[in-house]
N, C-alpha and C. Protein backbone atom coordinates (compact mmCIF):
# COMPACT_ATOMS: atom_id res chain seq x y z
N MET A 1 6.81 -2.24 41.79
CA MET A 1 6.28 -1.54 40.63
C MET A 1 7.22 -0.42 40.19
N TRP A 2 7.79 0.32 41.11
CA TRP A 2 8.65 1.44 40.75
C TRP A 2 9.90 0.98 40.02
N ILE A 3 10.39 -0.21 40.37
CA ILE A 3 11.61 -0.70 39.69
C ILE A 3 11.31 -1.07 38.24
N GLU A 4 10.10 -1.56 37.97
CA GLU A 4 9.72 -1.86 36.59
C GLU A 4 9.62 -0.58 35.76
N VAL A 5 9.07 0.46 36.35
CA VAL A 5 8.98 1.75 35.66
C VAL A 5 10.39 2.30 35.40
N PHE A 6 11.27 2.16 36.38
CA PHE A 6 12.65 2.61 36.23
C PHE A 6 13.36 1.85 35.12
N LEU A 7 13.20 0.51 35.09
CA LEU A 7 13.83 -0.29 34.03
C LEU A 7 13.27 0.07 32.66
N PHE A 8 11.97 0.30 32.60
CA PHE A 8 11.36 0.67 31.32
C PHE A 8 11.87 2.04 30.86
N ALA A 9 12.04 2.98 31.79
CA ALA A 9 12.60 4.29 31.44
C ALA A 9 14.04 4.14 30.93
N LEU A 10 14.82 3.25 31.56
CA LEU A 10 16.17 3.00 31.07
C LEU A 10 16.16 2.39 29.67
N LEU A 11 15.20 1.50 29.41
CA LEU A 11 15.07 0.92 28.07
C LEU A 11 14.82 2.01 27.03
N ILE A 12 13.90 2.91 27.32
CA ILE A 12 13.58 3.99 26.39
C ILE A 12 14.80 4.89 26.18
N ALA A 13 15.48 5.24 27.28
CA ALA A 13 16.67 6.09 27.17
C ALA A 13 17.76 5.41 26.34
N THR A 14 17.97 4.12 26.57
CA THR A 14 18.99 3.39 25.81
C THR A 14 18.63 3.34 24.33
N ALA A 15 17.36 3.10 24.02
CA ALA A 15 16.92 3.06 22.62
C ALA A 15 17.13 4.41 21.94
N LEU A 16 16.84 5.49 22.64
CA LEU A 16 17.03 6.82 22.05
C LEU A 16 18.51 7.11 21.82
N VAL A 17 19.37 6.71 22.76
CA VAL A 17 20.80 6.93 22.58
C VAL A 17 21.32 6.11 21.41
N VAL A 18 20.89 4.86 21.29
CA VAL A 18 21.33 4.01 20.17
C VAL A 18 20.89 4.62 18.85
N ALA A 19 19.68 5.16 18.80
CA ALA A 19 19.18 5.75 17.56
C ALA A 19 19.98 6.99 17.15
N ARG A 20 20.54 7.70 18.10
CA ARG A 20 21.29 8.92 17.81
C ARG A 20 22.77 8.70 17.55
N LEU A 21 23.30 7.55 17.95
CA LEU A 21 24.73 7.30 17.82
C LEU A 21 25.15 7.13 16.37
N ARG A 22 26.36 7.58 16.05
CA ARG A 22 26.95 7.34 14.74
C ARG A 22 28.12 6.36 14.86
N ASP A 23 28.60 6.14 16.09
CA ASP A 23 29.68 5.19 16.34
C ASP A 23 29.06 3.80 16.45
N LEU A 24 29.34 2.95 15.48
CA LEU A 24 28.68 1.65 15.41
C LEU A 24 29.11 0.70 16.52
N PHE A 25 30.36 0.81 16.99
CA PHE A 25 30.81 -0.04 18.10
C PHE A 25 30.01 0.30 19.37
N ALA A 26 29.88 1.58 19.66
CA ALA A 26 29.10 2.00 20.84
C ALA A 26 27.64 1.57 20.70
N ALA A 27 27.09 1.66 19.49
CA ALA A 27 25.70 1.23 19.27
C ALA A 27 25.55 -0.27 19.50
N ALA A 28 26.52 -1.06 19.04
CA ALA A 28 26.46 -2.51 19.24
C ALA A 28 26.52 -2.85 20.73
N MET A 29 27.38 -2.16 21.46
CA MET A 29 27.49 -2.43 22.89
C MET A 29 26.22 -2.00 23.64
N LEU A 30 25.64 -0.88 23.23
CA LEU A 30 24.41 -0.42 23.88
C LEU A 30 23.22 -1.32 23.57
N THR A 31 23.20 -1.95 22.40
CA THR A 31 22.12 -2.89 22.13
C THR A 31 22.25 -4.12 23.04
N GLY A 32 23.48 -4.51 23.37
CA GLY A 32 23.67 -5.58 24.35
C GLY A 32 23.15 -5.16 25.72
N MET A 33 23.40 -3.91 26.09
CA MET A 33 22.88 -3.40 27.36
C MET A 33 21.35 -3.34 27.34
N PHE A 34 20.79 -2.98 26.18
CA PHE A 34 19.34 -2.96 26.03
C PHE A 34 18.75 -4.35 26.29
N SER A 35 19.41 -5.37 25.76
CA SER A 35 18.94 -6.74 25.96
C SER A 35 19.04 -7.15 27.43
N LEU A 36 20.11 -6.74 28.11
CA LEU A 36 20.21 -7.06 29.53
C LEU A 36 19.15 -6.33 30.35
N LEU A 37 18.83 -5.09 29.99
CA LEU A 37 17.74 -4.37 30.67
C LEU A 37 16.41 -5.06 30.40
N SER A 38 16.21 -5.53 29.16
CA SER A 38 14.99 -6.27 28.84
C SER A 38 14.90 -7.56 29.66
N ALA A 39 16.02 -8.25 29.79
CA ALA A 39 16.03 -9.48 30.58
C ALA A 39 15.70 -9.17 32.04
N SER A 40 16.21 -8.06 32.55
CA SER A 40 15.89 -7.67 33.93
C SER A 40 14.41 -7.38 34.08
N LEU A 41 13.84 -6.70 33.10
CA LEU A 41 12.41 -6.40 33.15
C LEU A 41 11.57 -7.67 33.07
N PHE A 42 11.97 -8.62 32.22
CA PHE A 42 11.26 -9.89 32.15
C PHE A 42 11.35 -10.65 33.47
N THR A 43 12.50 -10.57 34.12
CA THR A 43 12.65 -11.23 35.42
C THR A 43 11.70 -10.62 36.45
N MET A 44 11.57 -9.31 36.43
CA MET A 44 10.67 -8.63 37.36
C MET A 44 9.21 -9.02 37.11
N MET A 45 8.89 -9.39 35.87
CA MET A 45 7.53 -9.79 35.53
C MET A 45 7.32 -11.30 35.67
N ASP A 46 8.26 -11.98 36.34
CA ASP A 46 8.19 -13.43 36.58
C ASP A 46 8.20 -14.26 35.30
N ALA A 47 8.88 -13.77 34.28
CA ALA A 47 9.06 -14.52 33.05
C ALA A 47 10.54 -14.87 32.93
N VAL A 48 11.00 -15.71 33.85
CA VAL A 48 12.43 -16.01 33.96
C VAL A 48 12.93 -16.75 32.72
N ASP A 49 12.11 -17.61 32.14
CA ASP A 49 12.55 -18.33 30.95
C ASP A 49 12.76 -17.39 29.78
N VAL A 50 11.88 -16.42 29.63
CA VAL A 50 12.03 -15.43 28.57
C VAL A 50 13.24 -14.54 28.85
N ALA A 51 13.44 -14.21 30.13
CA ALA A 51 14.60 -13.39 30.52
C ALA A 51 15.91 -14.12 30.21
N PHE A 52 15.94 -15.40 30.48
CA PHE A 52 17.15 -16.18 30.21
C PHE A 52 17.43 -16.22 28.70
N THR A 53 16.39 -16.42 27.91
CA THR A 53 16.56 -16.44 26.46
C THR A 53 17.02 -15.09 25.94
N GLU A 54 16.44 -14.01 26.47
CA GLU A 54 16.83 -12.66 26.05
C GLU A 54 18.28 -12.38 26.42
N ALA A 55 18.69 -12.79 27.59
CA ALA A 55 20.07 -12.56 28.01
C ALA A 55 21.04 -13.36 27.14
N ALA A 56 20.70 -14.61 26.87
CA ALA A 56 21.61 -15.47 26.10
C ALA A 56 21.66 -15.06 24.63
N VAL A 57 20.49 -14.87 24.03
CA VAL A 57 20.44 -14.58 22.60
C VAL A 57 20.63 -13.09 22.33
N GLY A 58 19.88 -12.25 23.05
CA GLY A 58 19.95 -10.81 22.80
C GLY A 58 21.25 -10.18 23.21
N ALA A 59 21.67 -10.42 24.46
CA ALA A 59 22.89 -9.80 24.95
C ALA A 59 24.12 -10.62 24.60
N GLY A 60 23.97 -11.91 24.48
CA GLY A 60 25.12 -12.76 24.22
C GLY A 60 25.46 -12.91 22.76
N ILE A 61 24.76 -13.79 22.08
CA ILE A 61 25.13 -14.14 20.71
C ILE A 61 24.90 -12.99 19.74
N SER A 62 23.85 -12.20 19.94
CA SER A 62 23.60 -11.09 19.02
C SER A 62 24.71 -10.05 19.09
N THR A 63 25.18 -9.76 20.30
CA THR A 63 26.27 -8.80 20.44
C THR A 63 27.54 -9.32 19.79
N VAL A 64 27.82 -10.59 19.97
CA VAL A 64 29.00 -11.19 19.34
C VAL A 64 28.89 -11.14 17.81
N LEU A 65 27.70 -11.45 17.28
CA LEU A 65 27.50 -11.40 15.84
C LEU A 65 27.61 -9.98 15.30
N LEU A 66 27.06 -9.00 16.04
CA LEU A 66 27.18 -7.61 15.63
C LEU A 66 28.64 -7.16 15.61
N LEU A 67 29.39 -7.53 16.63
CA LEU A 67 30.80 -7.15 16.67
C LEU A 67 31.58 -7.84 15.57
N GLY A 68 31.22 -9.08 15.24
CA GLY A 68 31.87 -9.77 14.13
C GLY A 68 31.58 -9.09 12.80
N ALA A 69 30.34 -8.69 12.60
CA ALA A 69 29.99 -7.98 11.36
C ALA A 69 30.66 -6.61 11.33
N LEU A 70 30.75 -5.97 12.48
CA LEU A 70 31.38 -4.65 12.57
C LEU A 70 32.86 -4.70 12.25
N SER A 71 33.49 -5.84 12.52
CA SER A 71 34.92 -5.94 12.22
C SER A 71 35.20 -5.93 10.72
N LEU A 72 34.17 -6.15 9.92
CA LEU A 72 34.33 -6.15 8.47
C LEU A 72 33.76 -4.90 7.80
N THR A 73 33.32 -3.95 8.60
CA THR A 73 32.73 -2.74 8.03
C THR A 73 33.39 -1.50 8.61
N ALA A 74 32.86 -0.35 8.26
CA ALA A 74 33.36 0.91 8.79
C ALA A 74 32.93 1.07 10.24
N LEU A 75 33.66 1.89 10.97
CA LEU A 75 33.36 2.09 12.39
C LEU A 75 32.31 3.16 12.63
N HIS A 76 32.06 4.00 11.64
CA HIS A 76 31.10 5.08 11.82
C HIS A 76 30.06 5.03 10.71
N GLU A 77 28.85 5.39 11.08
CA GLU A 77 27.76 5.41 10.13
C GLU A 77 27.84 6.67 9.28
N ARG A 78 27.59 6.53 8.01
CA ARG A 78 27.54 7.70 7.14
C ARG A 78 26.17 8.36 7.30
N GLN A 79 26.16 9.68 7.36
CA GLN A 79 24.90 10.42 7.52
C GLN A 79 24.05 10.25 6.28
N GLN A 80 22.79 9.92 6.47
CA GLN A 80 21.87 9.74 5.37
C GLN A 80 20.77 10.80 5.47
N PRO A 81 20.14 11.12 4.37
CA PRO A 81 19.07 12.13 4.43
C PRO A 81 17.88 11.59 5.24
N LEU A 82 17.20 12.49 5.89
CA LEU A 82 16.06 12.13 6.73
C LEU A 82 14.90 11.69 5.84
N ARG A 83 14.33 10.53 6.18
CA ARG A 83 13.19 10.00 5.44
C ARG A 83 11.99 9.97 6.36
N LEU A 84 10.87 10.40 5.87
CA LEU A 84 9.66 10.50 6.69
C LEU A 84 8.89 9.17 6.78
N LEU A 85 8.91 8.37 5.74
CA LEU A 85 8.11 7.14 5.69
C LEU A 85 8.42 6.17 6.84
N PRO A 86 9.69 5.91 7.19
CA PRO A 86 9.93 4.99 8.31
C PRO A 86 9.32 5.48 9.62
N PHE A 87 9.36 6.79 9.86
CA PHE A 87 8.75 7.33 11.08
C PHE A 87 7.24 7.13 11.09
N VAL A 88 6.61 7.33 9.93
CA VAL A 88 5.17 7.14 9.83
C VAL A 88 4.81 5.69 10.09
N VAL A 89 5.56 4.76 9.51
CA VAL A 89 5.30 3.33 9.70
C VAL A 89 5.47 2.95 11.17
N VAL A 90 6.52 3.45 11.82
CA VAL A 90 6.76 3.12 13.22
C VAL A 90 5.64 3.67 14.11
N PHE A 91 5.23 4.92 13.88
CA PHE A 91 4.17 5.50 14.71
C PHE A 91 2.82 4.82 14.46
N LEU A 92 2.53 4.44 13.23
CA LEU A 92 1.28 3.72 12.96
C LEU A 92 1.29 2.33 13.60
N THR A 93 2.42 1.64 13.51
CA THR A 93 2.52 0.32 14.13
C THR A 93 2.42 0.43 15.64
N GLY A 94 3.12 1.41 16.22
CA GLY A 94 3.03 1.63 17.67
C GLY A 94 1.62 1.96 18.11
N GLY A 95 0.95 2.81 17.34
CA GLY A 95 -0.44 3.15 17.67
C GLY A 95 -1.35 1.94 17.61
N ALA A 96 -1.16 1.08 16.59
CA ALA A 96 -1.96 -0.14 16.48
C ALA A 96 -1.69 -1.07 17.66
N LEU A 97 -0.43 -1.16 18.09
CA LEU A 97 -0.11 -2.02 19.25
C LEU A 97 -0.73 -1.48 20.52
N VAL A 98 -0.67 -0.17 20.72
CA VAL A 98 -1.29 0.42 21.91
C VAL A 98 -2.80 0.23 21.86
N TYR A 99 -3.41 0.45 20.71
CA TYR A 99 -4.85 0.25 20.57
C TYR A 99 -5.24 -1.20 20.86
N GLY A 100 -4.41 -2.14 20.45
CA GLY A 100 -4.70 -3.56 20.67
C GLY A 100 -4.57 -3.98 22.12
N THR A 101 -3.89 -3.19 22.95
CA THR A 101 -3.72 -3.57 24.35
C THR A 101 -4.64 -2.80 25.29
N VAL A 102 -5.50 -1.93 24.77
CA VAL A 102 -6.35 -1.10 25.63
C VAL A 102 -7.32 -1.96 26.43
N ASP A 103 -7.89 -2.99 25.85
CA ASP A 103 -8.90 -3.79 26.55
C ASP A 103 -8.32 -4.99 27.30
N MET A 104 -7.01 -5.05 27.40
CA MET A 104 -6.38 -6.14 28.16
C MET A 104 -6.59 -5.93 29.65
N PRO A 105 -6.66 -7.02 30.43
CA PRO A 105 -6.77 -6.85 31.88
C PRO A 105 -5.49 -6.24 32.45
N ALA A 106 -5.60 -5.63 33.61
CA ALA A 106 -4.46 -4.97 34.24
C ALA A 106 -3.37 -6.01 34.54
N TYR A 107 -2.14 -5.53 34.58
CA TYR A 107 -0.99 -6.40 34.87
C TYR A 107 -1.16 -7.04 36.25
N GLY A 108 -1.09 -8.36 36.31
CA GLY A 108 -1.22 -9.10 37.57
C GLY A 108 -2.65 -9.35 38.00
N SER A 109 -3.61 -9.01 37.18
CA SER A 109 -5.02 -9.17 37.53
C SER A 109 -5.40 -10.65 37.61
N VAL A 110 -6.21 -11.00 38.62
CA VAL A 110 -6.65 -12.39 38.76
C VAL A 110 -7.72 -12.73 37.73
N ASP A 111 -8.27 -11.73 37.06
CA ASP A 111 -9.28 -11.96 36.03
C ASP A 111 -8.67 -12.20 34.66
N ALA A 112 -7.36 -12.18 34.57
CA ALA A 112 -6.69 -12.40 33.29
C ALA A 112 -6.99 -13.82 32.79
N PRO A 113 -7.11 -14.00 31.49
CA PRO A 113 -7.44 -15.33 30.94
C PRO A 113 -6.45 -16.42 31.35
N ILE A 114 -5.21 -16.06 31.57
CA ILE A 114 -4.22 -17.07 31.94
C ILE A 114 -4.57 -17.74 33.27
N HIS A 115 -5.30 -17.02 34.12
CA HIS A 115 -5.65 -17.57 35.42
C HIS A 115 -6.99 -18.31 35.41
N ASN A 116 -7.70 -18.29 34.31
CA ASN A 116 -9.03 -18.88 34.30
C ASN A 116 -9.15 -20.16 33.48
N ASP A 117 -8.65 -20.19 32.28
CA ASP A 117 -8.98 -21.28 31.38
C ASP A 117 -7.90 -22.35 31.25
N ILE A 118 -6.68 -21.97 31.20
CA ILE A 118 -5.63 -22.91 30.80
C ILE A 118 -5.05 -23.72 31.96
N THR A 119 -5.27 -23.27 33.18
CA THR A 119 -4.66 -23.95 34.33
C THR A 119 -5.10 -25.41 34.42
N ASP A 120 -6.39 -25.66 34.26
CA ASP A 120 -6.87 -27.04 34.31
C ASP A 120 -6.28 -27.89 33.20
N GLU A 121 -6.10 -27.30 32.02
CA GLU A 121 -5.50 -28.02 30.91
C GLU A 121 -4.06 -28.41 31.24
N PHE A 122 -3.32 -27.51 31.86
CA PHE A 122 -1.95 -27.82 32.25
C PHE A 122 -1.92 -28.91 33.32
N LEU A 123 -2.78 -28.80 34.31
CA LEU A 123 -2.75 -29.75 35.43
C LEU A 123 -3.21 -31.14 35.02
N HIS A 124 -4.20 -31.20 34.14
CA HIS A 124 -4.73 -32.50 33.76
C HIS A 124 -4.22 -32.97 32.40
N GLY A 125 -3.45 -32.13 31.73
CA GLY A 125 -2.89 -32.50 30.43
C GLY A 125 -1.85 -33.59 30.54
N SER A 126 -1.24 -33.72 31.74
CA SER A 126 -0.22 -34.75 31.91
C SER A 126 -0.83 -36.14 31.78
N GLU A 127 -2.12 -36.26 32.06
CA GLU A 127 -2.78 -37.56 31.92
C GLU A 127 -2.94 -37.93 30.44
N LYS A 128 -3.06 -36.93 29.57
CA LYS A 128 -3.24 -37.19 28.15
C LYS A 128 -1.97 -37.69 27.48
N ILE A 129 -0.83 -37.18 27.93
CA ILE A 129 0.42 -37.57 27.28
C ILE A 129 1.26 -38.48 28.17
N HIS A 130 0.72 -38.88 29.29
CA HIS A 130 1.31 -39.89 30.18
C HIS A 130 2.67 -39.48 30.74
N ILE A 131 2.78 -38.21 31.14
CA ILE A 131 3.97 -37.74 31.85
C ILE A 131 3.51 -37.35 33.25
N PRO A 132 4.07 -37.96 34.28
CA PRO A 132 3.56 -37.75 35.63
C PRO A 132 3.85 -36.36 36.22
N ASN A 133 4.86 -35.66 35.73
CA ASN A 133 5.25 -34.38 36.30
C ASN A 133 4.63 -33.24 35.50
N VAL A 134 3.91 -32.32 36.18
CA VAL A 134 3.23 -31.22 35.51
C VAL A 134 4.23 -30.28 34.83
N VAL A 135 5.33 -29.98 35.49
CA VAL A 135 6.33 -29.07 34.92
C VAL A 135 6.92 -29.67 33.65
N THR A 136 7.23 -30.95 33.68
CA THR A 136 7.77 -31.61 32.50
C THR A 136 6.74 -31.63 31.38
N THR A 137 5.47 -31.79 31.72
CA THR A 137 4.41 -31.77 30.72
C THR A 137 4.36 -30.42 30.01
N VAL A 138 4.40 -29.35 30.78
CA VAL A 138 4.34 -28.01 30.19
C VAL A 138 5.58 -27.75 29.32
N LEU A 139 6.74 -28.06 29.86
CA LEU A 139 7.97 -27.79 29.11
C LEU A 139 8.11 -28.70 27.90
N GLY A 140 7.73 -29.95 28.03
CA GLY A 140 7.93 -30.92 26.95
C GLY A 140 6.91 -30.83 25.84
N SER A 141 5.69 -30.44 26.16
CA SER A 141 4.68 -30.44 25.12
C SER A 141 4.27 -29.03 24.71
N TYR A 142 3.77 -28.24 25.64
CA TYR A 142 3.27 -26.92 25.27
C TYR A 142 4.39 -25.97 24.88
N ARG A 143 5.45 -25.92 25.66
CA ARG A 143 6.56 -25.00 25.39
C ARG A 143 7.46 -25.50 24.28
N GLY A 144 7.31 -26.74 23.88
CA GLY A 144 8.13 -27.27 22.79
C GLY A 144 7.92 -26.51 21.49
N TYR A 145 6.68 -26.09 21.22
CA TYR A 145 6.41 -25.31 20.03
C TYR A 145 7.10 -23.95 20.09
N ASP A 146 7.06 -23.34 21.25
CA ASP A 146 7.71 -22.04 21.44
C ASP A 146 9.22 -22.18 21.24
N THR A 147 9.79 -23.22 21.83
CA THR A 147 11.24 -23.43 21.71
C THR A 147 11.62 -23.72 20.26
N LEU A 148 10.80 -24.48 19.55
CA LEU A 148 11.06 -24.74 18.14
C LEU A 148 11.05 -23.45 17.34
N GLY A 149 10.10 -22.57 17.64
CA GLY A 149 10.06 -21.27 16.96
C GLY A 149 11.28 -20.43 17.26
N GLU A 150 11.68 -20.39 18.54
CA GLU A 150 12.87 -19.62 18.91
C GLU A 150 14.11 -20.18 18.22
N THR A 151 14.23 -21.49 18.18
CA THR A 151 15.38 -22.11 17.53
C THR A 151 15.41 -21.78 16.05
N THR A 152 14.26 -21.79 15.41
CA THR A 152 14.17 -21.46 13.99
C THR A 152 14.60 -20.02 13.74
N VAL A 153 14.16 -19.10 14.60
CA VAL A 153 14.53 -17.69 14.43
C VAL A 153 16.03 -17.50 14.62
N VAL A 154 16.61 -18.13 15.65
CA VAL A 154 18.05 -18.00 15.89
C VAL A 154 18.83 -18.61 14.73
N PHE A 155 18.39 -19.76 14.22
CA PHE A 155 19.06 -20.38 13.08
C PHE A 155 19.00 -19.47 11.85
N ALA A 156 17.83 -18.89 11.59
CA ALA A 156 17.70 -18.00 10.43
C ALA A 156 18.60 -16.77 10.59
N ALA A 157 18.67 -16.22 11.80
CA ALA A 157 19.53 -15.06 12.05
C ALA A 157 21.00 -15.43 11.85
N ALA A 158 21.39 -16.58 12.36
CA ALA A 158 22.78 -17.02 12.21
C ALA A 158 23.12 -17.24 10.74
N MET A 159 22.21 -17.83 9.98
CA MET A 159 22.46 -18.05 8.55
C MET A 159 22.56 -16.71 7.82
N GLY A 160 21.73 -15.76 8.18
CA GLY A 160 21.81 -14.44 7.56
C GLY A 160 23.14 -13.76 7.83
N VAL A 161 23.62 -13.86 9.06
CA VAL A 161 24.91 -13.25 9.39
C VAL A 161 26.04 -13.97 8.67
N ILE A 162 25.98 -15.29 8.62
CA ILE A 162 27.02 -16.04 7.91
C ILE A 162 27.04 -15.66 6.43
N LEU A 163 25.88 -15.52 5.83
CA LEU A 163 25.82 -15.12 4.43
C LEU A 163 26.34 -13.70 4.23
N MET A 164 26.03 -12.81 5.18
CA MET A 164 26.54 -11.44 5.09
C MET A 164 28.05 -11.40 5.23
N LEU A 165 28.58 -12.16 6.17
CA LEU A 165 30.01 -12.14 6.43
C LEU A 165 30.80 -12.95 5.41
N GLY A 166 30.14 -13.75 4.63
CA GLY A 166 30.82 -14.58 3.65
C GLY A 166 31.28 -13.82 2.42
N GLY A 167 30.95 -12.55 2.34
CA GLY A 167 31.35 -11.73 1.18
C GLY A 167 32.82 -11.38 1.24
N ARG A 168 33.18 -10.41 0.47
CA ARG A 168 34.57 -9.98 0.39
C ARG A 168 34.98 -9.25 1.66
N VAL A 169 36.20 -9.45 2.07
CA VAL A 169 36.76 -8.77 3.23
C VAL A 169 37.34 -7.45 2.75
N ARG A 170 37.08 -6.37 3.47
CA ARG A 170 37.56 -5.06 3.07
C ARG A 170 38.48 -4.50 4.15
N ARG A 171 39.39 -3.64 3.73
CA ARG A 171 40.30 -3.03 4.69
C ARG A 171 39.57 -1.93 5.45
N ARG A 172 39.74 -1.93 6.76
CA ARG A 172 39.07 -0.94 7.61
C ARG A 172 39.60 0.46 7.33
N ASP A 173 40.89 0.62 7.08
CA ASP A 173 41.46 1.94 6.83
C ASP A 173 40.79 2.60 5.63
N ASP A 174 40.56 1.81 4.60
CA ASP A 174 39.94 2.35 3.40
C ASP A 174 38.48 2.72 3.65
N LEU A 175 37.77 1.90 4.43
CA LEU A 175 36.37 2.18 4.71
C LEU A 175 36.22 3.41 5.59
N ASP A 176 37.08 3.55 6.59
CA ASP A 176 36.99 4.70 7.49
C ASP A 176 37.36 5.99 6.77
N ALA A 177 38.28 5.92 5.84
CA ALA A 177 38.71 7.11 5.12
C ALA A 177 37.72 7.49 4.02
N GLY A 178 36.79 6.61 3.72
CA GLY A 178 35.79 6.89 2.69
C GLY A 178 36.28 6.60 1.29
N HIS A 179 37.43 5.95 1.15
CA HIS A 179 37.96 5.61 -0.16
C HIS A 179 37.29 4.35 -0.68
N GLU A 180 37.48 4.11 -1.92
CA GLU A 180 37.01 2.86 -2.51
C GLU A 180 37.71 1.69 -1.83
N ALA A 181 36.96 0.74 -1.36
CA ALA A 181 37.55 -0.40 -0.62
C ALA A 181 38.24 -1.34 -1.58
N GLU A 182 39.36 -1.87 -1.13
CA GLU A 182 40.09 -2.85 -1.92
C GLU A 182 39.80 -4.23 -1.37
N ASP A 183 39.69 -5.18 -2.24
CA ASP A 183 39.45 -6.56 -1.80
C ASP A 183 40.74 -7.13 -1.25
N VAL A 184 40.60 -7.85 -0.15
CA VAL A 184 41.75 -8.50 0.47
C VAL A 184 41.49 -9.99 0.46
N VAL A 185 42.42 -10.72 -0.03
CA VAL A 185 42.28 -12.17 -0.06
C VAL A 185 42.62 -12.71 1.33
N PRO A 186 41.68 -13.40 1.99
CA PRO A 186 41.98 -13.91 3.35
C PRO A 186 42.96 -15.04 3.32
């Protein structure tokens, strides 16, 4: 239990540091570290499949895509005026999420719904789809929807990055100096 609290504290500390950074390269690298800490926390909670996905997508491909996008932009963030609305939205959303989890059973509780209703469906569901192995049944049928959703999200993210990077290439020296960027023909 103490290691989970420690990992969660590291997640919060990393998020706060990323929010305060103006160096975009350091922020991109710290978001990769955030994903690895998340994967470690998922592993501690016995969600190894989610941890593997977080490590591969969050720390792996997302960091590479961020660094690729960063190579076409300025290295430092320009200071913007403080806006109150985003903070209000984040605190209201966080409060709603905390309120929604108040009546959940304790972590690891044997009274949790996952331990009561769905187990028989998993064990006897293999008879419905004629797959003799229970693990293959769960992965092939029930988790297939989850995997399809994850694949769709990764595809949409990749398309968004490709569309962003498909624009004009700008010189880094001009962007860092704050001058008007000149178009460079690749």
